Structures are given as structure tokens and as C-alpha cells.
Amino acid sequence: MKLRDLIEGVGTLMTESSGDLKISHITHDSRKVQHGSMFVALEGRNRDGHQYVGCATQLGAVCILTNQPEKVPFSIPICKVDDPRKAMALLARRLNRYPDQQLKVVGVTGTNGKTTTTYLVAGILRKLGVTGRIGTLSYFNGTSEERATHTTPESSAFYQTLGEMALNKCRYAAVEVSSHGLMYDRVLGLELQYAIFTNLSRDHLDFHGNMESYFQAKHRIFSLLRKGGTAIINWDDPYAKRIVVPEGRETIRYGLTEDADLRFEVVSLGIKGAEFDIFFRGESARFRIPLMGLHNIYNYCCALAVAMGEGISLAEAAASTSEIRAVPGRLELMDCGQPFGVAVDFAHTPDALKSVLSACAETNPNRLITVFGAGGDRDHSKRPEMGAVAGRYSDLVILTTDNPRTEDPEVIMDMVQKGIKRPLGPGFIRQVDRRQAIHAAIQAAEKGDLVVIAGKGHETTQEIHGRHYPFNDWEVALGFIRQRFPAQQARAEDQ
């Protein structure tokens, strides 16, 4: 696209003669610059993008987008804008031919459940067409998948991925919309066909400051709903009643409460999955999903509401639940033939940990053994709360590190331990080395027990003092199970 056409109504060219330049790519990351790129010089908390203009130019950038042209000491065309971050989103959307208008985009926000919900949406809509995904685990453009760097990537990457989905003939896109993504305008201009609110609980208060600011950030997702779109809201969440949906949009409220539009009743919860009845617009059906816990019924219901909006009947959905697969690192059960259960989960907030451990407790294990920690450089107030949750539901608590980042892990553990309120001994082990903590859990487990390894889920590294070391809870646990039960090794390799 010609630079002149790209920036029309958004920015001003410092040199009019550069308007015929062809722009094929937009990025704020100098490492991703290619020939024909527009490089966006963003000022961040720790780095100023203007420092990388020279590098971007050498790699093929043909234009710089900035609000401070005086910081560009190179002879290169400059596009001046008032707010580079907002402009980057608008231009990326335009350059990628407004992909959200070619797809039906399902945006999911909430403290917990976003990742599982996007996977469930993609699975339940499979018979209607391919669904691309953008979220915590990965970005899937319809044909290829890459590891995620952010739950909601910067707008240049976000709209590029949506553009690839459109080119790859995806019909839908299921995207996680984080509070950071909303606050930093990463999804500015996006038009959603469905906006889902899963829940709200304590998290990211180091960034938002308080729960009210956090809620207001999440609430922004509903301003992205196009006319004729649908808001899907967890009606059982305390914040649900405060959500204001713009006029001209439909609302589907889901939950256990009698006045929910899509209501469910639990039949049973077990280690193999959940069984429940759903009532929607005069129809009802019984569902069995191979996912543990009440929270996964909630996740499934909001995905089902999308399916209903796309014409899938309740009976059709109920008949296809056997195709559902566990999401990596989301209460993912490890079955290697060992006489006890092992589950890996990403839960790293008090509410998420409560959902996971209560779900596990409902399966009536002989003992519930929990391995967990709290992340460094994040909200300190949630640490004792997480300890209290673990102490309430677990027969054996093994407190360890999560991603300590720049903090002293012993100090983090001290804060968590204040909530556990039990002495070291048979019911409480403190082990700073996460690998050894997992080893202790596998060694302690007996027939009928259930081991939950919480906090990191799908992650493949552990961040300590600015460095990322290879670490994956699933692989570590699997290694210790193999050591303890060598005869089960062949079965584990078949998983």
C-alpha cells in the first residue's frame, strides 16, 4: 500500500514526496523489520524505540512513525502522529485490509478461563469452518502455529495474524483480549461479533492499582462489539450486573442462576469430566465433557453460546462433546499408569487456584497434594490469599517457587506461607527448588491420591533474575514418574 494512502486521516508526512513509498509491513520491534517496513518508534517503560531507528533502517525500514521527529537523526521519511501506539493499531488494521470485517471475531476477556474458552470455541465451531486463535499459548493463523509472546500481542502483530487468518480462509477468530491489550490499544479499531466476559478476580493489581480500575479496563471489550453483535456474560460473577452493553447488541447471560438466559444444572463432577444439563430458549439437553471442574462448565457454556449464535443446535452440540480435548496446561491430566492422579494447571491467582483445587477436591481423592508458588514482581497482596486457598483444600501443601523474576524466592514464599497457617511437617513442605518440590510430590503420592502442580501450566521456562531457564512442569513430573515406575515408561511415551 502506498504510504500516502496508508496514513490518510491518521498522520502527516514530513516529506510529501515520500507518499509514493510502498509499505508492506508494520512493526515496533526492530528485530522483525523487513524490506518495506514502517518502523514505529514507541516509548516504553524501560526502552525508547527511537534508539533502534538506525538498526531498523539498516534492516529495510523505509519509514518511521513517531510523535517526536526530532529524535530521528537519520535521513529517512517520517510520518508524524500524536499517539504512535494508537496510530500503529489503526494503520496495521488498514494495511491488513480490515481483517476483522472478513472474519467473525470472538473476543474473550476475564481473569480466568480465557485460554480454555478460545480453544472450546474453536473446537465447537469446527464443523462450520476453520477458527484462528490468538492467546496465551499460541497464535494460530489457520495453517500454522507459533508460540505466543503475549496473551494479546501488540497491534502490529495482532492485525497481521488476523490478516493471515483471512487469507487462509478462516471463518472465525477466537482471541483472548487481556486488560493490558485493552489499556495499551493493542486491539484499537477491532470489531467483534461476540464479546465474552468470563469472570473477574484479583490479578494484575500491580498494573491497575485496584479492582475498580481492573474492571473498567475489562469493560472496554464491549465497546468493540459491532452492531448486531452479541455480548456473552457470566451472570454468576459479582461484576456482571455492572456491565453495560451498547444499544443494538444482543446479550446472552449464562450461569447457574434462574434468570440466566443459558442456564445449567450440575449432574456430576469427577476426575474423568463433568456432566450437566443445559436449558436455553425452551430447549434442554444433557452434556458430558471430558474436562474437570465446575469452572470448565462455565467455560464450555460461553463457548456454547457462540455456537448457538452461529446456528448449531443444543442437540448437535451435546452429541459432539467427545471431540473436546484438554487445553495444554489447563488442569491437564497425566495418565502414565501410575496409581495416583497428576494434573498440571496454570492457576496463578487465588480465584483460579480455588477453582482448580475445589474441582479436584470434588473428585474425592484419597489425598490432595498441591505444589504451587507465587510469581515475583507481581501483586503481593494475592500471595497469602493463595496460601490460604492451598491450605484449605490440600492435605499436603508443597510451597515452592513459580517465576521469582527479580525477587528473592524465599521472601515470596514467606508471604505465601502467612496464609497457609500450618506448621512444617506431614501436611506442609517448603522447598525453594521447584524441581525438587515436584519430586517430593511424586514420591509422597500413594494410591488414590491426586497431585496438582499449579502456577506455570504450559510454560516451558522459569524466569529467575532476568534469565529464562528451561523448565516444564509436565516434563519434570513425567521424568519423576518414570523413575518411580519404570514399567510405565512405554505407556508414557505413547501419550
Protein backbone atom coordinates (compact mmCIF):
# COMPACT_ATOMS: atom_id res chain seq x y z
CA MET A 1 0.00 0.00 0.00
CA LYS A 2 1.28 3.48 -0.79
CA LEU A 3 2.38 5.40 2.28
CA ARG A 4 0.13 8.33 1.36
CA ASP A 5 -2.95 6.09 1.31
CA LEU A 6 -1.93 4.26 4.46
CA ILE A 7 -1.61 7.32 6.70
CA GLU A 8 -4.56 9.26 5.35
CA GLY A 9 -6.52 10.70 8.26
CA VAL A 10 -4.06 9.27 10.81
CA GLY A 11 -0.74 11.07 10.39
CA THR A 12 1.23 13.66 8.45
CA LEU A 13 4.18 13.07 6.13
CA MET A 14 7.16 15.29 6.93
CA THR A 15 8.26 14.95 3.28
CA GLU A 16 5.39 14.94 0.79
CA SER A 17 7.48 13.29 -1.95
CA SER A 18 7.68 10.09 0.13
CA GLY A 19 3.96 9.45 -0.30
CA ASP A 20 4.53 7.00 -3.16
CA LEU A 21 6.65 4.68 -1.00
CA LYS A 22 5.20 1.18 -0.80
CA ILE A 23 4.61 -0.10 2.73
CA SER A 24 4.20 -3.85 3.11
CA HIS A 25 4.69 -4.34 6.85
CA ILE A 26 4.40 -2.50 10.18
CA THR A 27 6.30 -3.27 13.37
CA HIS A 28 7.57 -1.65 16.57
CA ASP A 29 10.22 -4.38 17.00
CA SER A 30 13.44 -3.61 15.09
CA ARG A 31 14.31 -7.32 15.09
CA LYS A 32 11.24 -8.01 12.95
CA VAL A 33 11.84 -5.28 10.38
CA GLN A 34 11.93 -6.38 6.75
CA HIS A 35 12.28 -4.58 3.47
CA GLY A 36 9.34 -2.24 3.07
CA SER A 37 8.53 -1.96 6.78
CA MET A 38 7.19 1.04 8.60
CA PHE A 39 9.03 1.15 11.93
CA VAL A 40 7.02 2.54 14.85
CA ALA A 41 9.17 4.24 17.49
CA LEU A 42 7.36 3.60 20.77
CA GLU A 43 8.44 4.93 24.14
CA GLY A 44 8.13 2.18 26.72
CA ARG A 45 8.73 1.98 30.45
CA ASN A 46 12.33 0.88 30.05
CA ARG A 47 13.24 1.50 26.41
CA ASP A 48 12.78 4.20 23.80
CA GLY A 49 12.13 2.89 20.30
CA HIS A 50 13.95 5.86 18.81
CA GLN A 51 17.20 4.20 19.90
CA TYR A 52 16.57 1.46 17.33
CA VAL A 53 15.78 3.61 14.31
CA GLY A 54 19.28 3.11 12.88
CA CYS A 55 19.03 -0.67 13.21
CA ALA A 56 15.54 -0.67 11.67
CA THR A 57 16.77 1.41 8.73
CA GLN A 58 19.65 -0.97 8.06
CA LEU A 59 17.24 -3.92 8.05
CA GLY A 60 14.98 -2.35 5.42
CA ALA A 61 12.59 0.07 7.14
CA VAL A 62 11.52 2.76 4.66
CA CYS A 63 9.55 5.00 7.02
CA ILE A 64 9.48 5.93 10.71
CA LEU A 65 6.24 6.54 12.59
CA THR A 66 6.81 8.85 15.57
CA ASN A 67 5.45 11.74 17.61
CA GLN A 68 8.97 13.07 18.14
CA PRO A 69 10.62 13.53 14.71
CA GLU A 70 13.48 15.42 16.32
CA LYS A 71 14.66 12.10 17.80
CA VAL A 72 15.24 10.61 14.33
CA PRO A 73 18.79 11.67 13.32
CA PHE A 74 18.68 9.82 10.01
CA SER A 75 17.67 10.78 6.51
CA ILE A 76 14.55 8.64 6.26
CA PRO A 77 10.89 9.53 5.56
CA ILE A 78 8.98 10.33 8.75
CA CYS A 79 5.26 10.11 9.47
CA LYS A 80 4.30 12.28 12.41
CA VAL A 81 1.35 11.31 14.63
CA ASP A 82 0.04 12.42 18.01
CA ASP A 83 0.00 8.93 19.55
CA PRO A 84 2.21 6.29 17.87
CA ARG A 85 0.62 3.38 19.73
CA LYS A 86 -2.92 4.27 18.67
CA ALA A 87 -1.75 5.06 15.14
CA MET A 88 0.06 1.73 14.87
CA ALA A 89 -3.18 -0.13 15.59
CA LEU A 90 -5.23 1.86 13.08
CA LEU A 91 -2.57 1.56 10.35
CA ALA A 92 -1.96 -2.16 10.97
CA ARG A 93 -5.68 -2.81 10.64
CA ARG A 94 -5.81 -0.80 7.41
CA LEU A 95 -2.67 -2.37 5.93
CA ASN A 96 -4.08 -5.84 6.58
CA ARG A 97 -7.32 -4.93 4.77
CA TYR A 98 -9.55 -4.72 7.84
CA PRO A 99 -9.41 -8.47 8.56
CA ASP A 100 -11.92 -8.26 11.41
CA GLN A 101 -14.54 -7.36 8.80
CA GLN A 102 -13.72 -10.54 6.86
CA LEU A 103 -13.91 -12.79 9.93
CA LYS A 104 -16.35 -13.30 12.75
CA VAL A 105 -14.16 -12.41 15.72
CA VAL A 106 -14.90 -13.81 19.17
CA GLY A 107 -13.17 -11.76 21.88
CA VAL A 108 -12.77 -13.27 25.34
CA THR A 109 -11.82 -11.30 28.44
CA GLY A 110 -11.79 -12.12 32.14
CA THR A 111 -9.30 -13.05 34.83
CA ASN A 112 -9.60 -16.80 34.32
CA GLY A 113 -10.84 -19.11 31.57
CA LYS A 114 -9.82 -17.10 28.50
CA THR A 115 -7.49 -19.70 27.01
CA THR A 116 -9.76 -22.69 27.59
CA THR A 117 -12.72 -20.77 26.20
CA THR A 118 -10.94 -19.85 22.95
CA TYR A 119 -9.96 -23.50 22.43
CA LEU A 120 -13.53 -24.61 23.15
CA VAL A 121 -14.92 -22.03 20.71
CA ALA A 122 -12.54 -23.26 18.00
CA GLY A 123 -13.50 -26.87 18.67
CA ILE A 124 -17.26 -26.40 18.76
CA LEU A 125 -17.24 -24.30 15.55
CA ARG A 126 -15.03 -26.78 13.68
CA LYS A 127 -17.91 -28.14 11.60
CA LEU A 128 -18.73 -24.63 10.38
CA GLY A 129 -15.22 -23.62 9.35
CA VAL A 130 -11.67 -23.05 10.49
CA THR A 131 -11.16 -20.86 13.56
CA GLY A 132 -7.90 -18.99 14.07
CA ARG A 133 -6.70 -18.33 17.63
CA ILE A 134 -4.71 -15.63 19.38
CA GLY A 135 -3.93 -16.12 23.05
CA THR A 136 -1.65 -17.06 25.91
CA LEU A 137 -0.43 -20.34 24.45
CA SER A 138 -0.01 -19.61 20.76
CA TYR A 139 -1.14 -17.77 17.65
CA PHE A 140 -2.80 -20.00 15.02
CA ASN A 141 -3.47 -18.38 11.64
CA GLY A 142 -5.43 -21.26 10.14
CA THR A 143 -2.48 -23.15 8.70
CA SER A 144 0.49 -22.63 11.03
CA GLU A 145 1.02 -22.02 14.72
CA GLU A 146 3.66 -20.06 16.61
CA ARG A 147 4.39 -19.72 20.30
CA ALA A 148 2.81 -16.68 21.92
CA THR A 149 4.82 -13.81 23.37
CA HIS A 150 1.84 -12.01 24.93
CA THR A 151 -1.74 -13.03 25.62
CA THR A 152 -2.79 -10.17 23.32
CA PRO A 153 0.16 -9.19 21.11
CA GLU A 154 0.99 -5.64 20.05
CA SER A 155 -1.41 -4.32 17.42
CA SER A 156 1.04 -4.72 14.51
CA ALA A 157 1.34 -8.47 15.19
CA PHE A 158 -2.31 -8.80 16.22
CA TYR A 159 -3.71 -7.43 12.97
CA GLN A 160 -1.09 -9.19 10.87
CA THR A 161 -2.19 -12.52 12.36
CA LEU A 162 -5.86 -11.68 11.74
CA GLY A 163 -4.91 -10.77 8.17
CA GLU A 164 -3.22 -14.15 7.72
CA MET A 165 -6.37 -15.84 9.04
CA ALA A 166 -8.45 -14.07 6.41
CA LEU A 167 -6.01 -15.02 3.66
CA ASN A 168 -6.04 -18.63 4.89
CA LYS A 169 -9.84 -18.76 4.59
CA CYS A 170 -10.59 -18.88 8.29
CA ARG A 171 -14.21 -18.15 9.01
CA TYR A 172 -13.76 -17.30 12.69
CA ALA A 173 -11.10 -15.93 15.02
CA ALA A 174 -11.15 -16.64 18.77
CA VAL A 175 -8.93 -14.12 20.55
CA GLU A 176 -8.00 -13.53 24.16
CA VAL A 177 -8.36 -9.85 24.98
CA SER A 178 -6.32 -9.03 28.07
CA SER A 179 -6.69 -5.93 30.21
CA HIS A 180 -3.19 -4.90 29.10
CA GLY A 181 -4.27 -5.35 25.48
CA LEU A 182 -7.24 -3.07 26.05
CA MET A 183 -5.33 -0.43 28.02
CA TYR A 184 -2.42 -0.34 25.55
CA ASP A 185 -4.70 -0.06 22.49
CA ARG A 186 -3.48 -3.35 21.02
CA VAL A 187 -6.99 -4.04 19.73
CA LEU A 188 -7.94 -0.47 18.88
CA GLY A 189 -10.42 -0.41 15.99
CA LEU A 190 -11.31 -4.10 16.32
CA GLU A 191 -14.91 -5.07 15.55
CA LEU A 192 -16.16 -8.09 17.48
CA GLN A 193 -19.08 -10.31 16.57
CA TYR A 194 -19.03 -11.78 20.10
CA ALA A 195 -17.61 -10.29 23.31
CA ILE A 196 -17.29 -12.73 26.21
CA PHE A 197 -16.80 -11.84 29.89
CA THR A 198 -15.79 -14.93 31.91
CA ASN A 199 -15.19 -13.54 35.43
CA LEU A 200 -13.19 -11.01 37.42
CA SER A 201 -10.99 -11.65 40.44
CA ARG A 202 -7.77 -10.30 41.93
CA ASP A 203 -4.93 -10.17 39.43
CA HIS A 204 -2.64 -7.59 37.79
CA LEU A 205 -3.23 -5.07 40.57
CA ASP A 206 0.45 -4.17 40.33
CA PHE A 207 -0.55 -2.66 36.97
CA HIS A 208 -4.14 -1.49 37.52
CA GLY A 209 -3.80 -0.40 41.15
CA ASN A 210 -7.24 -1.55 42.32
CA MET A 211 -10.15 -3.76 41.32
CA GLU A 212 -12.25 -0.88 40.03
CA SER A 213 -9.60 0.14 37.50
CA TYR A 214 -9.15 -3.50 36.57
CA PHE A 215 -12.88 -3.88 35.95
CA GLN A 216 -13.06 -0.71 33.88
CA ALA A 217 -10.20 -1.99 31.70
CA LYS A 218 -12.01 -5.30 31.10
CA HIS A 219 -15.28 -3.50 30.45
CA ARG A 220 -13.77 -1.81 27.40
CA ILE A 221 -14.23 -5.01 25.40
CA PHE A 222 -17.95 -4.30 24.99
CA SER A 223 -17.22 -1.03 23.20
CA LEU A 224 -15.67 -3.18 20.44
CA LEU A 225 -18.92 -5.03 19.69
CA ARG A 226 -20.23 -4.27 16.21
CA LYS A 227 -23.92 -3.55 15.72
CA GLY A 228 -25.79 -6.83 15.66
CA GLY A 229 -23.05 -8.46 17.73
CA THR A 230 -23.58 -10.42 20.93
CA ALA A 231 -22.31 -9.91 24.48
CA ILE A 232 -21.93 -13.18 26.40
CA ILE A 233 -21.70 -12.62 30.16
CA ASN A 234 -21.12 -14.90 33.15
CA TRP A 235 -24.22 -13.89 35.07
CA ASP A 236 -22.98 -15.52 38.28
CA ASP A 237 -19.99 -13.20 38.56
CA PRO A 238 -20.42 -10.30 41.02
CA TYR A 239 -19.29 -7.77 38.40
CA ALA A 240 -21.74 -8.97 35.74
CA LYS A 241 -24.61 -6.70 36.81
CA ARG A 242 -22.41 -3.64 36.24
CA ILE A 243 -21.68 -4.41 32.59
CA VAL A 244 -23.29 -2.01 30.14
CA VAL A 245 -23.78 -3.37 26.64
CA PRO A 246 -24.19 -0.77 23.86
CA GLU A 247 -27.57 -0.49 22.17
CA GLY A 248 -28.16 -2.60 19.09
CA ARG A 249 -26.33 -5.63 20.50
CA GLU A 250 -27.77 -8.86 21.87
CA THR A 251 -26.90 -10.15 25.35
CA ILE A 252 -26.72 -13.79 26.46
CA ARG A 253 -26.29 -14.33 30.19
CA TYR A 254 -25.05 -17.77 31.25
CA GLY A 255 -24.75 -19.43 34.64
CA LEU A 256 -26.49 -21.33 37.41
CA THR A 257 -28.88 -18.56 38.42
CA GLU A 258 -32.54 -18.84 37.49
CA ASP A 259 -32.60 -15.64 35.45
CA ALA A 260 -29.69 -16.68 33.21
CA ASP A 261 -30.57 -16.98 29.52
CA LEU A 262 -28.37 -20.07 29.12
CA ARG A 263 -28.73 -21.92 32.40
CA PHE A 264 -27.03 -25.11 33.55
CA GLU A 265 -27.55 -27.60 36.38
CA VAL A 266 -24.71 -29.85 37.53
CA VAL A 267 -25.34 -33.58 37.47
CA SER A 268 -21.87 -34.80 38.48
CA LEU A 269 -18.24 -33.72 38.67
CA GLY A 270 -15.44 -36.26 38.50
CA ILE A 271 -11.83 -36.83 37.52
CA LYS A 272 -12.94 -38.03 34.08
CA GLY A 273 -15.06 -34.96 33.42
CA ALA A 274 -18.35 -33.22 34.15
CA GLU A 275 -22.00 -33.98 33.42
CA PHE A 276 -24.66 -31.27 33.39
CA ASP A 277 -27.96 -30.19 31.87
CA ILE A 278 -28.32 -27.00 29.84
CA PHE A 279 -31.53 -25.03 29.35
CA PHE A 280 -31.71 -22.44 26.59
CA ARG A 281 -34.71 -20.76 24.96
CA GLY A 282 -37.18 -23.51 25.78
CA GLU A 283 -34.83 -26.39 24.90
CA SER A 284 -32.70 -28.62 27.10
CA ALA A 285 -30.02 -31.27 26.68
CA ARG A 286 -27.60 -33.26 28.82
CA PHE A 287 -23.88 -32.69 28.24
CA ARG A 288 -20.84 -34.74 29.21
CA ILE A 289 -17.46 -33.06 28.71
CA PRO A 290 -14.04 -34.66 29.38
CA LEU A 291 -12.90 -31.66 31.45
CA MET A 292 -12.70 -31.49 35.22
CA GLY A 293 -14.41 -28.97 37.43
CA LEU A 294 -17.27 -26.52 37.72
CA HIS A 295 -15.16 -23.75 36.17
CA ASN A 296 -14.90 -25.75 32.95
CA ILE A 297 -18.69 -25.99 32.76
CA TYR A 298 -18.72 -22.19 32.81
CA ASN A 299 -16.04 -22.11 30.11
CA TYR A 300 -18.00 -24.53 27.96
CA CYS A 301 -21.26 -22.61 28.38
CA CYS A 302 -19.90 -19.36 26.99
CA ALA A 303 -18.38 -21.23 24.04
CA LEU A 304 -21.74 -22.94 23.54
CA ALA A 305 -23.46 -19.54 23.46
CA VAL A 306 -21.28 -18.64 20.47
CA ALA A 307 -22.26 -21.89 18.78
CA MET A 308 -25.93 -21.15 19.38
CA GLY A 309 -25.44 -17.77 17.75
CA GLU A 310 -23.95 -19.50 14.71
CA GLY A 311 -26.88 -21.86 14.27
CA ILE A 312 -25.63 -25.01 15.99
CA SER A 313 -28.48 -26.62 17.90
CA LEU A 314 -28.30 -27.72 21.51
CA ALA A 315 -28.71 -31.36 20.46
CA GLU A 316 -25.90 -31.11 17.88
CA ALA A 317 -23.55 -29.61 20.44
CA ALA A 318 -24.41 -32.26 23.04
CA ALA A 319 -23.67 -35.02 20.55
CA SER A 320 -20.19 -33.74 19.70
CA THR A 321 -18.63 -33.24 23.15
CA SER A 322 -16.48 -36.37 22.80
CA GLU A 323 -14.30 -34.36 20.40
CA ILE A 324 -13.26 -31.93 23.16
CA ARG A 325 -9.60 -32.11 24.19
CA ALA A 326 -7.89 -30.71 27.27
CA VAL A 327 -6.03 -27.47 26.72
CA PRO A 328 -2.28 -27.79 27.40
CA GLY A 329 -1.54 -26.80 30.98
CA ARG A 330 -5.18 -26.26 31.95
CA LEU A 331 -6.00 -28.96 34.51
CA GLU A 332 -4.27 -31.34 32.14
CA LEU A 333 -4.30 -34.89 33.49
CA MET A 334 -1.23 -37.09 33.16
CA ASP A 335 -2.08 -40.78 32.82
CA CYS A 336 1.05 -42.91 32.69
CA GLY A 337 -0.46 -45.84 34.51
CA GLN A 338 0.66 -44.59 37.93
CA PRO A 339 -1.69 -45.47 40.82
CA PHE A 340 -2.42 -41.81 41.59
CA GLY A 341 -3.54 -38.81 39.57
CA VAL A 342 -1.32 -35.94 38.41
CA ALA A 343 -2.69 -32.71 36.95
CA VAL A 344 -0.81 -29.66 35.66
CA ASP A 345 -2.53 -26.28 35.70
CA PHE A 346 -1.73 -22.62 35.02
CA ALA A 347 -3.62 -21.33 38.09
CA HIS A 348 -1.63 -18.40 39.50
CA THR A 349 -4.30 -16.29 41.20
CA PRO A 350 -6.32 -17.02 44.35
CA ASP A 351 -9.56 -17.44 42.42
CA ALA A 352 -8.03 -19.67 39.75
CA LEU A 353 -6.32 -21.81 42.39
CA LYS A 354 -9.60 -22.11 44.28
CA SER A 355 -11.44 -23.20 41.13
CA VAL A 356 -8.84 -25.84 40.34
CA LEU A 357 -8.43 -27.23 43.86
CA SER A 358 -12.15 -27.26 44.59
CA ALA A 359 -12.69 -29.11 41.31
CA CYS A 360 -10.07 -31.64 42.31
CA ALA A 361 -11.46 -31.99 45.83
CA GLU A 362 -14.90 -32.76 44.35
CA THR A 363 -13.43 -35.94 42.80
CA ASN A 364 -12.85 -37.25 46.36
CA PRO A 365 -9.19 -38.27 46.10
CA ASN A 366 -7.60 -40.12 48.99
CA ARG A 367 -5.36 -37.08 49.50
CA LEU A 368 -4.97 -33.86 47.54
CA ILE A 369 -1.32 -32.85 47.19
CA THR A 370 -0.68 -29.34 45.86
CA VAL A 371 2.60 -27.95 44.53
CA PHE A 372 2.49 -24.20 43.94
CA GLY A 373 4.22 -20.85 44.37
CA ALA A 374 3.65 -17.18 43.54
CA GLY A 375 5.24 -15.10 40.81
CA GLY A 376 7.77 -12.40 41.57
CA ASP A 377 7.39 -8.72 40.63
CA ARG A 378 3.62 -9.05 40.74
CA ASP A 379 0.78 -8.19 43.13
CA HIS A 380 2.00 -9.01 46.67
CA SER A 381 -1.46 -8.95 48.22
CA LYS A 382 -2.59 -12.13 46.49
CA ARG A 383 0.23 -14.24 47.94
CA PRO A 384 -1.20 -15.01 51.40
CA GLU A 385 -4.61 -15.50 49.76
CA MET A 386 -3.15 -18.19 47.53
CA GLY A 387 -1.58 -19.80 50.60
CA ALA A 388 -4.94 -19.79 52.37
CA VAL A 389 -6.64 -21.45 49.39
CA ALA A 390 -3.98 -24.17 49.17
CA GLY A 391 -4.16 -24.79 52.90
CA ARG A 392 -7.95 -25.01 52.85
CA TYR A 393 -8.25 -27.63 50.11
CA SER A 394 -5.00 -29.63 50.30
CA ASP A 395 -3.99 -32.48 52.57
CA LEU A 396 -0.35 -31.84 51.70
CA VAL A 397 0.88 -28.40 50.61
CA ILE A 398 4.29 -28.17 48.95
CA LEU A 399 5.21 -24.49 48.70
CA THR A 400 7.87 -23.64 46.13
CA THR A 401 8.85 -21.03 43.55
CA ASP A 402 6.90 -20.00 40.46
CA ASN A 403 8.72 -17.40 38.33
CA PRO A 404 10.57 -15.40 41.01
CA ARG A 405 11.83 -12.95 38.39
CA THR A 406 13.92 -10.31 40.21
CA GLU A 407 12.63 -11.06 43.73
CA ASP A 408 14.18 -13.26 46.39
CA PRO A 409 12.14 -16.51 46.23
CA GLU A 410 12.45 -17.02 49.99
CA VAL A 411 10.77 -13.65 50.60
CA ILE A 412 7.95 -14.57 48.20
CA MET A 413 7.46 -17.88 49.98
CA ASP A 414 7.39 -16.13 53.36
CA MET A 415 4.46 -14.02 52.15
CA VAL A 416 2.59 -17.05 50.81
CA GLN A 417 3.23 -19.04 53.98
CA LYS A 418 1.43 -16.44 56.10
CA GLY A 419 -1.82 -17.65 54.53
CA ILE A 420 -1.15 -21.37 54.86
CA LYS A 421 -1.25 -21.27 58.66
CA ARG A 422 0.09 -24.73 59.36
CA PRO A 423 3.50 -25.84 60.65
CA LEU A 424 6.12 -27.58 58.59
CA GLY A 425 5.61 -31.32 58.80
CA PRO A 426 3.41 -34.06 57.28
CA GLY A 427 0.93 -31.53 55.91
CA PHE A 428 3.31 -28.81 54.75
CA ILE A 429 6.65 -28.90 52.94
CA ARG A 430 8.63 -25.83 51.92
CA GLN A 431 11.06 -26.42 49.03
CA VAL A 432 12.52 -23.47 47.13
CA ASP A 433 13.71 -25.64 44.21
CA ARG A 434 10.62 -26.26 42.04
CA ARG A 435 12.09 -29.41 40.50
CA GLN A 436 12.68 -30.91 43.94
CA ALA A 437 9.23 -29.82 45.06
CA ILE A 438 7.64 -31.76 42.20
CA HIS A 439 9.89 -34.71 43.03
CA ALA A 440 8.69 -34.61 46.65
CA ALA A 441 5.06 -34.67 45.50
CA ILE A 442 5.55 -37.64 43.17
CA GLN A 443 7.43 -39.55 45.85
CA ALA A 444 4.82 -38.80 48.52
CA ALA A 445 1.81 -39.74 46.40
CA GLU A 446 0.07 -43.02 47.12
CA LYS A 447 -2.73 -44.98 45.50
CA GLY A 448 -5.84 -42.86 45.11
CA ASP A 449 -4.09 -39.53 45.74
CA LEU A 450 -4.23 -36.59 43.32
CA VAL A 451 -1.20 -34.36 42.76
CA VAL A 452 -1.87 -30.84 41.40
CA ILE A 453 1.11 -28.89 40.08
CA ALA A 454 -0.13 -25.31 39.77
CA GLY A 455 1.14 -21.96 38.57
CA LYS A 456 3.05 -22.49 35.33
CA GLY A 457 0.91 -24.84 33.25
CA HIS A 458 2.06 -24.73 29.63
CA GLU A 459 5.18 -22.62 30.29
CA THR A 460 8.50 -24.06 29.18
CA THR A 461 10.84 -21.76 31.13
CA GLN A 462 11.32 -20.40 34.62
CA GLU A 463 12.31 -16.74 34.92
CA ILE A 464 14.98 -16.03 37.55
CA HIS A 465 16.81 -12.69 37.76
CA GLY A 466 16.03 -11.74 34.19
CA ARG A 467 17.05 -15.06 32.66
CA HIS A 468 14.76 -17.77 31.34
CA TYR A 469 15.84 -21.31 32.21
CA PRO A 470 14.26 -24.37 30.52
CA PHE A 471 11.55 -25.76 32.78
CA ASN A 472 8.27 -27.51 32.08
CA ASP A 473 6.12 -28.89 34.90
CA TRP A 474 4.72 -31.68 32.71
CA GLU A 475 8.13 -32.93 31.59
CA VAL A 476 9.61 -32.70 35.08
CA ALA A 477 6.70 -34.65 36.61
CA LEU A 478 6.83 -37.22 33.83
CA GLY A 479 10.53 -37.77 34.44
CA PHE A 480 9.98 -38.45 38.14
CA ILE A 481 7.04 -40.79 37.43
CA ARG A 482 9.29 -42.76 35.06
CA GLN A 483 11.94 -43.01 37.76
CA ARG A 484 9.47 -44.28 40.31
CA PHE A 485 7.55 -46.59 37.94
CA PRO A 486 9.99 -47.75 35.20
CA ALA A 487 7.48 -50.30 33.90
CA GLN A 488 5.13 -47.48 32.90
CA GLN A 489 7.70 -45.70 30.72
CA ALA A 490 6.49 -47.20 27.44
CA ARG A 491 2.93 -46.10 28.17
CA ALA A 492 4.11 -42.56 28.95
CA GLU A 493 5.96 -42.33 25.64
CA ASP A 494 2.73 -43.17 23.80
CA GLN A 495 0.94 -40.10 25.18
